[in-house]
Amino acid sequence: MAIKLTLTEDETEILIDALEADMEGYLEAAKEARGNTRREEVKTYTEAAERIGALKAKLEALLGA
């Protein structure tokens, strides 16, 4: 299912910033989980960070960033 959405450049930049902060949180959580040898959590957090990064990249491409 595709969702069409119209955003201003400012709104898109806000989303990119929010995704960046969220992605950093997941990467930090993965790092902590790795330090505590919780492999399943590392996998889950890393996957989440990768998916967020992919979405962030799509938005950045729309802005030509």
Protein backbone atom coordinates (compact mmCIF):
# COMPACT_ATOMS: atom_id res chain seq x y z
CA MET A 1 0.00 0.00 0.00
CA ALA A 2 1.37 3.40 -0.94
CA ILE A 3 0.46 6.58 0.89
CA LYS A 4 0.62 9.91 -0.89
CA LEU A 5 1.52 12.85 1.27
CA THR A 6 2.28 16.45 0.48
CA LEU A 7 4.85 18.13 2.72
CA THR A 8 6.66 21.43 2.65
CA GLU A 9 10.46 21.41 2.63
CA ASP A 10 10.44 22.55 6.25
CA GLU A 11 8.12 19.69 7.26
CA THR A 12 10.35 17.22 5.44
CA GLU A 13 13.42 18.59 7.22
CA ILE A 14 11.61 18.22 10.56
CA LEU A 15 10.89 14.58 9.75
CA ILE A 16 14.51 14.00 8.72
CA ASP A 17 15.74 15.49 12.01
CA ALA A 18 13.30 13.37 14.01
CA LEU A 19 14.33 10.23 12.15
CA GLU A 20 17.99 11.03 12.77
CA ALA A 21 17.37 11.31 16.52
CA ASP A 22 15.32 8.10 16.53
CA MET A 23 17.96 6.25 14.54
CA GLU A 24 20.69 7.40 16.95
CA GLY A 25 18.62 6.09 19.85
CA TYR A 26 18.32 2.66 18.25
CA LEU A 27 22.04 2.57 17.43
CA GLU A 28 22.85 3.44 21.04
CA ALA A 29 20.45 0.75 22.28
CA ALA A 30 22.12 -1.78 19.96
CA LYS A 31 25.53 -0.77 21.33
CA GLU A 32 24.34 -1.26 24.92
CA ALA A 33 22.73 -4.59 24.07
CA ARG A 34 25.96 -5.71 22.37
CA GLY A 35 27.87 -4.83 25.53
CA ASN A 36 25.48 -6.99 27.54
CA THR A 37 25.62 -9.83 24.97
CA ARG A 38 21.90 -9.65 24.21
CA ARG A 39 22.14 -10.75 20.58
CA GLU A 40 18.42 -10.72 19.76
CA GLU A 41 18.11 -7.15 20.97
CA VAL A 42 21.19 -6.14 18.97
CA LYS A 43 19.56 -7.61 15.86
CA THR A 44 16.21 -5.91 16.52
CA TYR A 45 17.69 -2.48 17.26
CA THR A 46 20.10 -2.65 14.35
CA GLU A 47 17.30 -3.59 11.95
CA ALA A 48 15.18 -0.72 13.22
CA ALA A 49 18.05 1.74 12.76
CA GLU A 50 18.63 0.47 9.22
CA ARG A 51 14.96 0.85 8.29
CA ILE A 52 14.86 4.35 9.74
CA GLY A 53 18.05 5.21 7.86
CA ALA A 54 16.52 4.02 4.59
CA LEU A 55 13.44 6.17 5.10
CA LYS A 56 15.59 9.14 6.06
CA ALA A 57 17.62 8.68 2.87
CA LYS A 58 14.44 8.66 0.77
CA LEU A 59 13.33 11.95 2.30
CA GLU A 60 16.77 13.48 1.87
CA ALA A 61 16.74 12.46 -1.80
CA LEU A 62 13.44 14.26 -2.27
CA LEU A 63 15.06 17.43 -0.94
CA GLY A 64 18.21 16.89 -2.95
CA ALA A 65 20.25 16.83 0.26
